[in-house]
Amino acid sequence: MHGFFTYLEKNPSSRGDAAFHDMSHGESFLELVVDRFRGAGLWVLDEPESALSFSGCLALVGVLKQLLADGKSQVLLSTHSPLLAALPGAQILEVGEWGLREREWEDLALVDKAPDRYLRHV
């Protein structure tokens, strides 16, 4: 992202670009999504939660929901986040030793683990 943000700062959009290097990793990623994810397109995101706080993940879900509202865009999202996997209207494909299989959100392995099952070890 550092190299990409450097490129954007040297080649700003017509609206101008934010000073990405002056922001935290999560803030700069969200600014990029809000500013650059516009219009029809295919948006491919690989584990975007790695840069985001919980509230940042909520903000990303909101941006993606708006982007998909007119039916002219698609989002391909790889995630380990139950929150991002809950994107309204998403077709969810779970990857495992079986290959790919379509799943409902409630049936995902990453969702069926209640926090107390992990936190009891802390």
PDB file of N, CA and C in Angstrom:
ATOM      1  N   MET A   1       0.828  -1.190   0.000  1.00  0.00           N
ATOM      2  CA  MET A   1       0.000   0.000   0.000  1.00  0.00           C
ATOM      3  C   MET A   1       0.870   1.250   0.000  1.00  0.00           C
ATOM      4  N   HIS A   2       2.029   1.177   0.655  1.00  0.00           N
ATOM      5  CA  HIS A   2       2.898   2.351   0.708  1.00  0.00           C
ATOM      6  C   HIS A   2       3.242   2.846  -0.697  1.00  0.00           C
ATOM      7  N   GLY A   3       3.655   1.931  -1.554  1.00  0.00           N
ATOM      8  CA  GLY A   3       3.994   2.300  -2.926  1.00  0.00           C
ATOM      9  C   GLY A   3       2.793   2.828  -3.692  1.00  0.00           C
ATOM     10  N   PHE A   4       1.659   2.210  -3.493  1.00  0.00           N
ATOM     11  CA  PHE A   4       0.436   2.655  -4.174  1.00  0.00           C
ATOM     12  C   PHE A   4       0.027   4.046  -3.702  1.00  0.00           C
ATOM     13  N   PHE A   5       0.092   4.280  -2.398  1.00  0.00           N
ATOM     14  CA  PHE A   5      -0.251   5.601  -1.876  1.00  0.00           C
ATOM     15  C   PHE A   5       0.736   6.659  -2.380  1.00  0.00           C
ATOM     16  N   THR A   6       1.995   6.308  -2.495  1.00  0.00           N
ATOM     17  CA  THR A   6       2.982   7.235  -3.052  1.00  0.00           C
ATOM     18  C   THR A   6       2.605   7.583  -4.486  1.00  0.00           C
ATOM     19  N   TYR A   7       2.233   6.572  -5.261  1.00  0.00           N
ATOM     20  CA  TYR A   7       1.789   6.809  -6.640  1.00  0.00           C
ATOM     21  C   TYR A   7       0.579   7.745  -6.678  1.00  0.00           C
ATOM     22  N   LEU A   8      -0.418   7.489  -5.839  1.00  0.00           N
ATOM     23  CA  LEU A   8      -1.613   8.330  -5.831  1.00  0.00           C
ATOM     24  C   LEU A   8      -1.292   9.766  -5.447  1.00  0.00           C
ATOM     25  N   GLU A   9      -0.403   9.932  -4.482  1.00  0.00           N
ATOM     26  CA  GLU A   9      -0.040  11.282  -4.072  1.00  0.00           C
ATOM     27  C   GLU A   9       0.705  12.029  -5.182  1.00  0.00           C
ATOM     28  N   LYS A  10       1.459  11.309  -6.002  1.00  0.00           N
ATOM     29  CA  LYS A  10       2.167  11.933  -7.124  1.00  0.00           C
ATOM     30  C   LYS A  10       1.266  12.122  -8.339  1.00  0.00           C
ATOM     31  N   ASN A  11       0.160  11.370  -8.390  1.00  0.00           N
ATOM     32  CA  ASN A  11      -0.778  11.420  -9.512  1.00  0.00           C
ATOM     33  C   ASN A  11      -2.201  11.554  -8.974  1.00  0.00           C
ATOM     34  N   PRO A  12      -2.531  12.712  -8.403  1.00  0.00           N
ATOM     35  CA  PRO A  12      -3.844  12.865  -7.756  1.00  0.00           C
ATOM     36  C   PRO A  12      -5.004  12.820  -8.751  1.00  0.00           C
ATOM     37  N   SER A  13      -6.162  12.424  -8.234  1.00  0.00           N
ATOM     38  CA  SER A  13      -7.377  12.441  -9.044  1.00  0.00           C
ATOM     39  C   SER A  13      -7.784  13.886  -9.269  1.00  0.00           C
ATOM     40  N   SER A  14      -8.772  14.092 -10.103  1.00  0.00           N
ATOM     41  CA  SER A  14      -9.246  15.456 -10.370  1.00  0.00           C
ATOM     42  C   SER A  14      -9.808  16.104  -9.111  1.00  0.00           C
ATOM     43  N   ARG A  15     -10.238  15.297  -8.150  1.00  0.00           N
ATOM     44  CA  ARG A  15     -10.750  15.822  -6.883  1.00  0.00           C
ATOM     45  C   ARG A  15      -9.614  16.081  -5.896  1.00  0.00           C
ATOM     46  N   GLY A  16      -8.413  15.673  -6.283  1.00  0.00           N
ATOM     47  CA  GLY A  16      -7.282  15.752  -5.357  1.00  0.00           C
ATOM     48  C   GLY A  16      -7.309  14.526  -4.463  1.00  0.00           C
ATOM     49  N   ASP A  17      -6.190  14.172  -3.906  1.00  0.00           N
ATOM     50  CA  ASP A  17      -6.128  13.005  -3.038  1.00  0.00           C
ATOM     51  C   ASP A  17      -5.727  13.411  -1.641  1.00  0.00           C
ATOM     52  N   ALA A  18      -6.110  12.615  -0.718  1.00  0.00           N
ATOM     53  CA  ALA A  18      -5.744  12.827   0.684  1.00  0.00           C
ATOM     54  C   ALA A  18      -4.256  12.559   0.851  1.00  0.00           C
ATOM     55  N   ALA A  19      -3.713  13.045   1.939  1.00  0.00           N
ATOM     56  CA  ALA A  19      -2.321  12.763   2.286  1.00  0.00           C
ATOM     57  C   ALA A  19      -2.286  11.392   2.975  1.00  0.00           C
ATOM     58  N   PHE A  20      -2.323  10.346   2.177  1.00  0.00           N
ATOM     59  CA  PHE A  20      -2.444   8.986   2.692  1.00  0.00           C
ATOM     60  C   PHE A  20      -1.349   8.631   3.702  1.00  0.00           C
ATOM     61  N   HIS A  21      -0.130   9.111   3.449  1.00  0.00           N
ATOM     62  CA  HIS A  21       0.984   8.775   4.344  1.00  0.00           C
ATOM     63  C   HIS A  21       0.879   9.455   5.704  1.00  0.00           C
ATOM     64  N   ASP A  22       0.000  10.430   5.819  1.00  0.00           N
ATOM     65  CA  ASP A  22      -0.190  11.120   7.104  1.00  0.00           C
ATOM     66  C   ASP A  22      -1.268  10.461   7.959  1.00  0.00           C
ATOM     67  N   MET A  23      -1.878   9.409   7.445  1.00  0.00           N
ATOM     68  CA  MET A  23      -2.966   8.720   8.146  1.00  0.00           C
ATOM     69  C   MET A  23      -2.490   7.361   8.640  1.00  0.00           C
ATOM     70  N   SER A  24      -3.273   6.779   9.545  1.00  0.00           N
ATOM     71  CA  SER A  24      -2.998   5.399   9.946  1.00  0.00           C
ATOM     72  C   SER A  24      -3.313   4.486   8.759  1.00  0.00           C
ATOM     73  N   HIS A  25      -2.863   3.249   8.857  1.00  0.00           N
ATOM     74  CA  HIS A  25      -3.107   2.282   7.778  1.00  0.00           C
ATOM     75  C   HIS A  25      -4.609   2.122   7.514  1.00  0.00           C
ATOM     76  N   GLY A  26      -5.381   1.954   8.584  1.00  0.00           N
ATOM     77  CA  GLY A  26      -6.823   1.787   8.427  1.00  0.00           C
ATOM     78  C   GLY A  26      -7.502   3.023   7.875  1.00  0.00           C
ATOM     79  N   GLU A  27      -7.120   4.198   8.378  1.00  0.00           N
ATOM     80  CA  GLU A  27      -7.716   5.447   7.894  1.00  0.00           C
ATOM     81  C   GLU A  27      -7.416   5.654   6.410  1.00  0.00           C
ATOM     82  N   SER A  28      -6.181   5.381   6.012  1.00  0.00           N
ATOM     83  CA  SER A  28      -5.820   5.578   4.603  1.00  0.00           C
ATOM     84  C   SER A  28      -6.563   4.592   3.707  1.00  0.00           C
ATOM     85  N   PHE A  29      -6.733   3.348   4.175  1.00  0.00           N
ATOM     86  CA  PHE A  29      -7.468   2.367   3.384  1.00  0.00           C
ATOM     87  C   PHE A  29      -8.925   2.794   3.213  1.00  0.00           C
ATOM     88  N   LEU A  30      -9.576   3.212   4.299  1.00  0.00           N
ATOM     89  CA  LEU A  30     -10.966   3.660   4.186  1.00  0.00           C
ATOM     90  C   LEU A  30     -11.099   4.889   3.302  1.00  0.00           C
ATOM     91  N   GLU A  31     -10.161   5.815   3.410  1.00  0.00           N
ATOM     92  CA  GLU A  31     -10.179   7.005   2.548  1.00  0.00           C
ATOM     93  C   GLU A  31     -10.075   6.611   1.083  1.00  0.00           C
ATOM     94  N   LEU A  32      -9.214   5.638   0.795  1.00  0.00           N
ATOM     95  CA  LEU A  32      -9.073   5.141  -0.566  1.00  0.00           C
ATOM     96  C   LEU A  32     -10.391   4.552  -1.066  1.00  0.00           C
ATOM     97  N   VAL A  33     -11.027   3.727  -0.254  1.00  0.00           N
ATOM     98  CA  VAL A  33     -12.289   3.088  -0.644  1.00  0.00           C
ATOM     99  C   VAL A  33     -13.374   4.143  -0.877  1.00  0.00           C
ATOM    100  N   VAL A  34     -13.507   5.075   0.040  1.00  0.00           N
ATOM    101  CA  VAL A  34     -14.543   6.108  -0.080  1.00  0.00           C
ATOM    102  C   VAL A  34     -14.286   6.980  -1.305  1.00  0.00           C
ATOM    103  N   ASP A  35     -13.028   7.341  -1.537  1.00  0.00           N
ATOM    104  CA  ASP A  35     -12.693   8.266  -2.620  1.00  0.00           C
ATOM    105  C   ASP A  35     -12.638   7.610  -3.992  1.00  0.00           C
ATOM    106  N   ARG A  36     -12.125   6.386  -4.059  1.00  0.00           N
ATOM    107  CA  ARG A  36     -11.860   5.782  -5.364  1.00  0.00           C
ATOM    108  C   ARG A  36     -12.854   4.722  -5.806  1.00  0.00           C
ATOM    109  N   PHE A  37     -13.604   4.119  -4.892  1.00  0.00           N
ATOM    110  CA  PHE A  37     -14.564   3.098  -5.276  1.00  0.00           C
ATOM    111  C   PHE A  37     -15.845   3.796  -5.697  1.00  0.00           C
ATOM    112  N   ARG A  38     -15.905   4.190  -6.958  1.00  0.00           N
ATOM    113  CA  ARG A  38     -17.065   4.910  -7.489  1.00  0.00           C
ATOM    114  C   ARG A  38     -17.470   4.296  -8.826  1.00  0.00           C
ATOM    115  N   GLY A  39     -18.758   4.316  -9.087  1.00  0.00           N
ATOM    116  CA  GLY A  39     -19.244   3.843 -10.371  1.00  0.00           C
ATOM    117  C   GLY A  39     -19.205   2.332 -10.497  1.00  0.00           C
ATOM    118  N   ALA A  40     -19.599   1.891 -11.678  1.00  0.00           N
ATOM    119  CA  ALA A  40     -19.661   0.458 -11.958  1.00  0.00           C
ATOM    120  C   ALA A  40     -18.259  -0.131 -11.999  1.00  0.00           C
ATOM    121  N   GLY A  41     -18.138  -1.356 -11.498  1.00  0.00           N
ATOM    122  CA  GLY A  41     -16.832  -1.994 -11.543  1.00  0.00           C
ATOM    123  C   GLY A  41     -16.817  -3.321 -10.816  1.00  0.00           C
ATOM    124  N   LEU A  42     -15.698  -3.981 -10.916  1.00  0.00           N
ATOM    125  CA  LEU A  42     -15.425  -5.189 -10.157  1.00  0.00           C
ATOM    126  C   LEU A  42     -14.374  -4.807  -9.137  1.00  0.00           C
ATOM    127  N   TRP A  43     -14.700  -4.928  -7.877  1.00  0.00           N
ATOM    128  CA  TRP A  43     -13.828  -4.520  -6.780  1.00  0.00           C
ATOM    129  C   TRP A  43     -13.360  -5.772  -6.066  1.00  0.00           C
ATOM    130  N   VAL A  44     -12.055  -6.018  -6.076  1.00  0.00           N
ATOM    131  CA  VAL A  44     -11.466  -7.232  -5.502  1.00  0.00           C
ATOM    132  C   VAL A  44     -10.685  -6.830  -4.248  1.00  0.00           C
ATOM    133  N   LEU A  45     -11.076  -7.384  -3.114  1.00  0.00           N
ATOM    134  CA  LEU A  45     -10.452  -7.062  -1.833  1.00  0.00           C
ATOM    135  C   LEU A  45      -9.984  -8.350  -1.163  1.00  0.00           C
ATOM    136  N   ASP A  46      -8.729  -8.364  -0.767  1.00  0.00           N
ATOM    137  CA  ASP A  46      -8.158  -9.533  -0.103  1.00  0.00           C
ATOM    138  C   ASP A  46      -7.915  -9.191   1.365  1.00  0.00           C
ATOM    139  N   GLU A  47      -8.737  -9.736   2.223  1.00  0.00           N
ATOM    140  CA  GLU A  47      -8.653  -9.556   3.665  1.00  0.00           C
ATOM    141  C   GLU A  47      -8.497  -8.086   4.083  1.00  0.00           C
ATOM    142  N   PRO A  48      -9.432  -7.242   3.683  1.00  0.00           N
ATOM    143  CA  PRO A  48      -9.321  -5.825   4.032  1.00  0.00           C
ATOM    144  C   PRO A  48      -9.412  -5.564   5.529  1.00  0.00           C
ATOM    145  N   GLU A  49      -9.945  -6.506   6.291  1.00  0.00           N
ATOM    146  CA  GLU A  49     -10.059  -6.318   7.738  1.00  0.00           C
ATOM    147  C   GLU A  49      -8.700  -6.211   8.413  1.00  0.00           C
ATOM    148  N   SER A  50      -7.641  -6.659   7.735  1.00  0.00           N
ATOM    149  CA  SER A  50      -6.314  -6.597   8.353  1.00  0.00           C
ATOM    150  C   SER A  50      -5.890  -5.161   8.644  1.00  0.00           C
ATOM    151  N   ALA A  51      -6.444  -4.218   7.923  1.00  0.00           N
ATOM    152  CA  ALA A  51      -6.097  -2.806   8.130  1.00  0.00           C
ATOM    153  C   ALA A  51      -7.102  -2.076   9.014  1.00  0.00           C
ATOM    154  N   LEU A  52      -8.218  -2.720   9.333  1.00  0.00           N
ATOM    155  CA  LEU A  52      -9.342  -1.989   9.911  1.00  0.00           C
ATOM    156  C   LEU A  52      -9.678  -2.386  11.343  1.00  0.00           C
ATOM    157  N   SER A  53     -10.134  -1.416  12.089  1.00  0.00           N
ATOM    158  CA  SER A  53     -10.719  -1.659  13.410  1.00  0.00           C
ATOM    159  C   SER A  53     -12.130  -2.193  13.209  1.00  0.00           C
ATOM    160  N   PHE A  54     -12.793  -2.518  14.309  1.00  0.00           N
ATOM    161  CA  PHE A  54     -14.178  -2.974  14.210  1.00  0.00           C
ATOM    162  C   PHE A  54     -15.050  -1.898  13.559  1.00  0.00           C
ATOM    163  N   SER A  55     -14.900  -0.654  14.002  1.00  0.00           N
ATOM    164  CA  SER A  55     -15.712   0.428  13.413  1.00  0.00           C
ATOM    165  C   SER A  55     -15.315   0.669  11.960  1.00  0.00           C
ATOM    166  N   GLY A  56     -14.047   0.452  11.623  1.00  0.00           N
ATOM    167  CA  GLY A  56     -13.624   0.559  10.236  1.00  0.00           C
ATOM    168  C   GLY A  56     -14.263  -0.512   9.373  1.00  0.00           C
ATOM    169  N   CYS A  57     -14.398  -1.726   9.915  1.00  0.00           N
ATOM    170  CA  CYS A  57     -15.086  -2.801   9.184  1.00  0.00           C
ATOM    171  C   CYS A  57     -16.548  -2.451   8.954  1.00  0.00           C
ATOM    172  N   LEU A  58     -17.186  -1.875   9.966  1.00  0.00           N
ATOM    173  CA  LEU A  58     -18.578  -1.435   9.795  1.00  0.00           C
ATOM    174  C   LEU A  58     -18.679  -0.385   8.697  1.00  0.00           C
ATOM    175  N   ALA A  59     -17.754   0.559   8.691  1.00  0.00           N
ATOM    176  CA  ALA A  59     -17.751   1.603   7.663  1.00  0.00           C
ATOM    177  C   ALA A  59     -17.563   0.987   6.281  1.00  0.00           C
ATOM    178  N   LEU A  60     -16.671   0.008   6.166  1.00  0.00           N
ATOM    179  CA  LEU A  60     -16.444  -0.650   4.883  1.00  0.00           C
ATOM    180  C   LEU A  60     -17.706  -1.362   4.408  1.00  0.00           C
ATOM    181  N   VAL A  61     -18.397  -2.053   5.290  1.00  0.00           N
ATOM    182  CA  VAL A  61     -19.654  -2.716   4.914  1.00  0.00           C
ATOM    183  C   VAL A  61     -20.639  -1.679   4.372  1.00  0.00           C
ATOM    184  N   GLY A  62     -20.721  -0.525   5.011  1.00  0.00           N
ATOM    185  CA  GLY A  62     -21.618   0.535   4.546  1.00  0.00           C
ATOM    186  C   GLY A  62     -21.250   1.036   3.158  1.00  0.00           C
ATOM    187  N   VAL A  63     -19.970   1.259   2.910  1.00  0.00           N
ATOM    188  CA  VAL A  63     -19.508   1.723   1.602  1.00  0.00           C
ATOM    189  C   VAL A  63     -19.795   0.677   0.535  1.00  0.00           C
ATOM    190  N   LEU A  64     -19.498  -0.585   0.832  1.00  0.00           N
ATOM    191  CA  LEU A  64     -19.734  -1.648  -0.148  1.00  0.00           C
ATOM    192  C   LEU A  64     -21.220  -1.824  -0.431  1.00  0.00           C
ATOM    193  N   LYS A  65     -22.038  -1.716   0.601  1.00  0.00           N
ATOM    194  CA  LYS A  65     -23.492  -1.838   0.411  1.00  0.00           C
ATOM    195  C   LYS A  65     -23.991  -0.742  -0.538  1.00  0.00           C
ATOM    196  N   GLN A  66     -23.517   0.474  -0.348  1.00  0.00           N
ATOM    197  CA  GLN A  66     -23.906   1.576  -1.243  1.00  0.00           C
ATOM    198  C   GLN A  66     -23.407   1.329  -2.658  1.00  0.00           C
ATOM    199  N   LEU A  67     -22.190   0.850  -2.787  1.00  0.00           N
ATOM    200  CA  LEU A  67     -21.598   0.595  -4.090  1.00  0.00           C
ATOM    201  C   LEU A  67     -22.397  -0.455  -4.866  1.00  0.00           C
ATOM    202  N   LEU A  68     -22.931  -1.449  -4.156  1.00  0.00           N
ATOM    203  CA  LEU A  68     -23.670  -2.535  -4.792  1.00  0.00           C
ATOM    204  C   LEU A  68     -25.140  -2.216  -5.043  1.00  0.00           C
ATOM    205  N   ALA A  69     -25.629  -1.144  -4.462  1.00  0.00           N
ATOM    206  CA  ALA A  69     -27.069  -0.838  -4.478  1.00  0.00           C
ATOM    207  C   ALA A  69     -27.655  -0.720  -5.881  1.00  0.00           C
ATOM    208  N   ASP A  70     -26.929  -0.165  -6.825  1.00  0.00           N
ATOM    209  CA  ASP A  70     -27.508   0.026  -8.155  1.00  0.00           C
ATOM    210  C   ASP A  70     -27.360  -1.192  -9.061  1.00  0.00           C
ATOM    211  N   GLY A  71     -26.700  -2.253  -8.570  1.00  0.00           N
ATOM    212  CA  GLY A  71     -26.568  -3.487  -9.335  1.00  0.00           C
ATOM    213  C   GLY A  71     -25.544  -3.431 -10.457  1.00  0.00           C
ATOM    214  N   LYS A  72     -24.745  -2.372 -10.526  1.00  0.00           N
ATOM    215  CA  LYS A  72     -23.766  -2.227 -11.603  1.00  0.00           C
ATOM    216  C   LYS A  72     -22.346  -2.594 -11.182  1.00  0.00           C
ATOM    217  N   SER A  73     -22.175  -2.985  -9.943  1.00  0.00           N
ATOM    218  CA  SER A  73     -20.857  -3.366  -9.448  1.00  0.00           C
ATOM    219  C   SER A  73     -20.918  -4.735  -8.803  1.00  0.00           C
ATOM    220  N   GLN A  74     -19.751  -5.353  -8.733  1.00  0.00           N
ATOM    221  CA  GLN A  74     -19.597  -6.613  -8.011  1.00  0.00           C
ATOM    222  C   GLN A  74     -18.392  -6.477  -7.092  1.00  0.00           C
ATOM    223  N   VAL A  75     -18.459  -7.157  -5.967  1.00  0.00           N
ATOM    224  CA  VAL A  75     -17.351  -7.180  -5.027  1.00  0.00           C
ATOM    225  C   VAL A  75     -16.946  -8.635  -4.805  1.00  0.00           C
ATOM    226  N   LEU A  76     -15.680  -8.905  -4.980  1.00  0.00           N
ATOM    227  CA  LEU A  76     -15.112 -10.205  -4.659  1.00  0.00           C
ATOM    228  C   LEU A  76     -14.248  -9.962  -3.438  1.00  0.00           C
ATOM    229  N   LEU A  77     -14.627 -10.571  -2.322  1.00  0.00           N
ATOM    230  CA  LEU A  77     -14.016 -10.265  -1.037  1.00  0.00           C
ATOM    231  C   LEU A  77     -13.558 -11.549  -0.357  1.00  0.00           C
ATOM    232  N   SER A  78     -12.276 -11.627  -0.072  1.00  0.00           N
ATOM    233  CA  SER A  78     -11.721 -12.726   0.709  1.00  0.00           C
ATOM    234  C   SER A  78     -11.587 -12.229   2.140  1.00  0.00           C
ATOM    235  N   THR A  79     -12.157 -12.954   3.109  1.00  0.00           N
ATOM    236  CA  THR A  79     -12.144 -12.448   4.474  1.00  0.00           C
ATOM    237  C   THR A  79     -12.173 -13.573   5.501  1.00  0.00           C
ATOM    238  N   HIS A  80     -11.683 -13.248   6.691  1.00  0.00           N
ATOM    239  CA  HIS A  80     -11.843 -14.101   7.863  1.00  0.00           C
ATOM    240  C   HIS A  80     -12.755 -13.415   8.863  1.00  0.00           C
ATOM    241  N   SER A  81     -13.352 -12.312   8.470  1.00  0.00           N
ATOM    242  CA  SER A  81     -14.177 -11.509   9.367  1.00  0.00           C
ATOM    243  C   SER A  81     -15.649 -11.892   9.253  1.00  0.00           C
ATOM    244  N   PRO A  82     -16.254 -12.341  10.353  1.00  0.00           N
ATOM    245  CA  PRO A  82     -17.692 -12.631  10.296  1.00  0.00           C
ATOM    246  C   PRO A  82     -18.508 -11.378   9.975  1.00  0.00           C
ATOM    247  N   LEU A  83     -18.008 -10.219  10.376  1.00  0.00           N
ATOM    248  CA  LEU A  83     -18.709  -8.967  10.091  1.00  0.00           C
ATOM    249  C   LEU A  83     -18.725  -8.682   8.592  1.00  0.00           C
ATOM    250  N   LEU A  84     -17.585  -8.777   7.930  1.00  0.00           N
ATOM    251  CA  LEU A  84     -17.544  -8.519   6.488  1.00  0.00           C
ATOM    252  C   LEU A  84     -18.286  -9.593   5.709  1.00  0.00           C
ATOM    253  N   ALA A  85     -18.252 -10.828   6.203  1.00  0.00           N
ATOM    254  CA  ALA A  85     -18.979 -11.916   5.537  1.00  0.00           C
ATOM    255  C   ALA A  85     -20.490 -11.697   5.597  1.00  0.00           C
ATOM    256  N   ALA A  86     -20.938 -10.847   6.505  1.00  0.00           N
ATOM    257  CA  ALA A  86     -22.373 -10.570   6.656  1.00  0.00           C
ATOM    258  C   ALA A  86     -22.863  -9.465   5.728  1.00  0.00           C
ATOM    259  N   LEU A  87     -22.065  -9.050   4.767  1.00  0.00           N
ATOM    260  CA  LEU A  87     -22.488  -8.023   3.808  1.00  0.00           C
ATOM    261  C   LEU A  87     -23.850  -8.397   3.225  1.00  0.00           C
ATOM    262  N   PRO A  88     -24.843  -7.535   3.375  1.00  0.00           N
ATOM    263  CA  PRO A  88     -26.188  -7.864   2.899  1.00  0.00           C
ATOM    264  C   PRO A  88     -26.208  -8.264   1.422  1.00  0.00           C
ATOM    265  N   GLY A  89     -26.865  -9.365   1.134  1.00  0.00           N
ATOM    266  CA  GLY A  89     -27.019  -9.841  -0.238  1.00  0.00           C
ATOM    267  C   GLY A  89     -25.851 -10.636  -0.776  1.00  0.00           C
ATOM    268  N   ALA A  90     -24.851 -10.886   0.046  1.00  0.00           N
ATOM    269  CA  ALA A  90     -23.645 -11.575  -0.429  1.00  0.00           C
ATOM    270  C   ALA A  90     -23.917 -13.038  -0.737  1.00  0.00           C
ATOM    271  N   GLN A  91     -23.305 -13.522  -1.786  1.00  0.00           N
ATOM    272  CA  GLN A  91     -23.223 -14.953  -2.037  1.00  0.00           C
ATOM    273  C   GLN A  91     -21.926 -15.385  -1.376  1.00  0.00           C
ATOM    274  N   ILE A  92     -22.008 -16.298  -0.438  1.00  0.00           N
ATOM    275  CA  ILE A  92     -20.839 -16.693   0.342  1.00  0.00           C
ATOM    276  C   ILE A  92     -20.344 -18.052  -0.125  1.00  0.00           C
ATOM    277  N   LEU A  93     -19.069 -18.093  -0.452  1.00  0.00           N
ATOM    278  CA  LEU A  93     -18.411 -19.334  -0.821  1.00  0.00           C
ATOM    279  C   LEU A  93     -17.325 -19.597   0.211  1.00  0.00           C
ATOM    280  N   GLU A  94     -17.391 -20.755   0.843  1.00  0.00           N
ATOM    281  CA  GLU A  94     -16.406 -21.136   1.848  1.00  0.00           C
ATOM    282  C   GLU A  94     -15.359 -22.037   1.186  1.00  0.00           C
ATOM    283  N   VAL A  95     -14.102 -21.767   1.495  1.00  0.00           N
ATOM    284  CA  VAL A  95     -12.987 -22.517   0.925  1.00  0.00           C
ATOM    285  C   VAL A  95     -12.445 -23.483   1.971  1.00  0.00           C
ATOM    286  N   GLY A  96     -12.186 -24.705   1.560  1.00  0.00           N
ATOM    287  CA  GLY A  96     -11.616 -25.702   2.472  1.00  0.00           C
ATOM    288  C   GLY A  96     -11.074 -26.873   1.691  1.00  0.00           C
ATOM    289  N   GLU A  97     -10.777 -27.954   2.400  1.00  0.00           N
ATOM    290  CA  GLU A  97     -10.242 -29.143   1.731  1.00  0.00           C
ATOM    291  C   GLU A  97     -11.228 -29.704   0.707  1.00  0.00           C
ATOM    292  N   TRP A  98     -12.481 -29.331   0.805  1.00  0.00           N
ATOM    293  CA  TRP A  98     -13.530 -29.749  -0.127  1.00  0.00           C
ATOM    294  C   TRP A  98     -13.543 -28.896  -1.391  1.00  0.00           C
ATOM    295  N   GLY A  99     -12.777 -27.836  -1.428  1.00  0.00           N
ATOM    296  CA  GLY A  99     -12.805 -26.886  -2.546  1.00  0.00           C
ATOM    297  C   GLY A  99     -13.647 -25.688  -2.159  1.00  0.00           C
ATOM    298  N   LEU A 100     -14.603 -25.331  -2.999  1.00  0.00           N
ATOM    299  CA  LEU A 100     -15.538 -24.234  -2.725  1.00  0.00           C
ATOM    300  C   LEU A 100     -16.923 -24.800  -2.497  1.00  0.00           C
ATOM    301  N   ARG A 101     -17.620 -24.219  -1.532  1.00  0.00           N
ATOM    302  CA  ARG A 101     -19.023 -24.591  -1.345  1.00  0.00           C
ATOM    303  C   ARG A 101     -19.789 -23.347  -0.913  1.00  0.00           C
ATOM    304  N   GLU A 102     -20.995 -23.233  -1.441  1.00  0.00           N
ATOM    305  CA  GLU A 102     -21.851 -22.113  -1.056  1.00  0.00           C
ATOM    306  C   GLU A 102     -22.395 -22.364   0.344  1.00  0.00           C
ATOM    307  N   ARG A 103     -22.400 -21.327   1.163  1.00  0.00           N
ATOM    308  CA  ARG A 103     -22.852 -21.447   2.546  1.00  0.00           C
ATOM    309  C   ARG A 103     -23.725 -20.269   2.922  1.00  0.00           C
ATOM    310  N   GLU A 104     -24.535 -20.479   3.923  1.00  0.00           N
ATOM    311  CA  GLU A 104     -25.257 -19.394   4.571  1.00  0.00           C
ATOM    312  C   GLU A 104     -24.355 -18.841   5.663  1.00  0.00           C
ATOM    313  N   TRP A 105     -24.490 -17.582   5.973  1.00  0.00           N
ATOM    314  CA  TRP A 105     -23.637 -16.918   6.959  1.00  0.00           C
ATOM    315  C   TRP A 105     -23.623 -17.672   8.284  1.00  0.00           C
ATOM    316  N   GLU A 106     -24.807 -18.077   8.765  1.00  0.00           N
ATOM    317  CA  GLU A 106     -24.914 -18.753  10.065  1.00  0.00           C
ATOM    318  C   GLU A 106     -24.157 -20.068  10.112  1.00  0.00           C
ATOM    319  N   ASP A 107     -23.923 -20.673   8.934  1.00  0.00           N
ATOM    320  CA  ASP A 107     -23.293 -21.986   8.865  1.00  0.00           C
ATOM    321  C   ASP A 107     -21.780 -21.936   8.669  1.00  0.00           C
ATOM    322  N   LEU A 108     -21.219 -20.738   8.574  1.00  0.00           N
ATOM    323  CA  LEU A 108     -19.780 -20.607   8.383  1.00  0.00           C
ATOM    324  C   LEU A 108     -19.021 -21.000   9.641  1.00  0.00           C
ATOM    325  N   ALA A 109     -17.897 -21.670   9.474  1.00  0.00           N
ATOM    326  CA  ALA A 109     -17.066 -22.053  10.614  1.00  0.00           C
ATOM    327  C   ALA A 109     -16.589 -20.824  11.379  1.00  0.00           C
ATOM    328  N   LEU A 110     -16.334 -19.712  10.687  1.00  0.00           N
ATOM    329  CA  LEU A 110     -15.847 -18.518  11.377  1.00  0.00           C
ATOM    330  C   LEU A 110     -16.936 -17.838  12.191  1.00  0.00           C
ATOM    331  N   VAL A 111     -18.179 -18.221  11.996  1.00  0.00           N
ATOM    332  CA  VAL A 111     -19.291 -17.626  12.741  1.00  0.00           C
ATOM    333  C   VAL A 111     -19.704 -18.494  13.908  1.00  0.00           C
ATOM    334  N   ASP A 112     -19.565 -19.815  13.793  1.00  0.00           N
ATOM    335  CA  ASP A 112     -20.102 -20.697  14.831  1.00  0.00           C
ATOM    336  C   ASP A 112     -19.241 -20.757  16.088  1.00  0.00           C
ATOM    337  N   LYS A 113     -18.191 -19.999  16.128  1.00  0.00           N
ATOM    338  CA  LYS A 113     -17.331 -19.967  17.306  1.00  0.00           C
ATOM    339  C   LYS A 113     -17.725 -18.780  18.186  1.00  0.00           C
ATOM    340  N   ALA A 114     -18.424 -19.045  19.243  1.00  0.00           N
ATOM    341  CA  ALA A 114     -18.828 -17.990  20.176  1.00  0.00           C
ATOM    342  C   ALA A 114     -17.586 -17.425  20.857  1.00  0.00           C
ATOM    343  N   PRO A 115     -17.546 -16.115  21.114  1.00  0.00           N
ATOM    344  CA  PRO A 115     -16.355 -15.523  21.740  1.00  0.00           C
ATOM    345  C   PRO A 115     -15.940 -16.194  23.039  1.00  0.00           C
ATOM    346  N   ASP A 116     -16.884 -16.667  23.831  1.00  0.00           N
ATOM    347  CA  ASP A 116     -16.507 -17.281  25.109  1.00  0.00           C
ATOM    348  C   ASP A 116     -15.705 -18.568  24.915  1.00  0.00           C
ATOM    349  N   ARG A 117     -15.835 -19.206  23.759  1.00  0.00           N
ATOM    350  CA  ARG A 117     -15.046 -20.406  23.490  1.00  0.00           C
ATOM    351  C   ARG A 117     -13.567 -20.062  23.362  1.00  0.00           C
ATOM    352  N   TYR A 118     -13.261 -18.823  22.964  1.00  0.00           N
ATOM    353  CA  TYR A 118     -11.873 -18.388  22.850  1.00  0.00           C
ATOM    354  C   TYR A 118     -11.414 -17.664  24.104  1.00  0.00           C
ATOM    355  N   LEU A 119     -12.261 -16.791  24.597  1.00  0.00           N
ATOM    356  CA  LEU A 119     -11.880 -15.937  25.722  1.00  0.00           C
ATOM    357  C   LEU A 119     -11.669 -16.721  27.020  1.00  0.00           C
ATOM    358  N   ARG A 120     -12.230 -17.904  27.139  1.00  0.00           N
ATOM    359  CA  ARG A 120     -12.034 -18.685  28.352  1.00  0.00           C
ATOM    360  C   ARG A 120     -10.580 -19.105  28.502  1.00  0.00           C
ATOM    361  N   HIS A 121      -9.809 -19.033  27.419  1.00  0.00           N
ATOM    362  CA  HIS A 121      -8.385 -19.400  27.463  1.00  0.00           C
ATOM    363  C   HIS A 121      -7.506 -18.224  27.887  1.00  0.00           C
ATOM    364  N   VAL A 122      -8.079 -17.054  27.979  1.00  0.00           N
ATOM    365  CA  VAL A 122      -7.289 -15.856  28.310  1.00  0.00           C
ATOM    366  C   VAL A 122      -7.187 -15.680  29.799  1.00  0.00           C
TER     367      VAL A 122
END
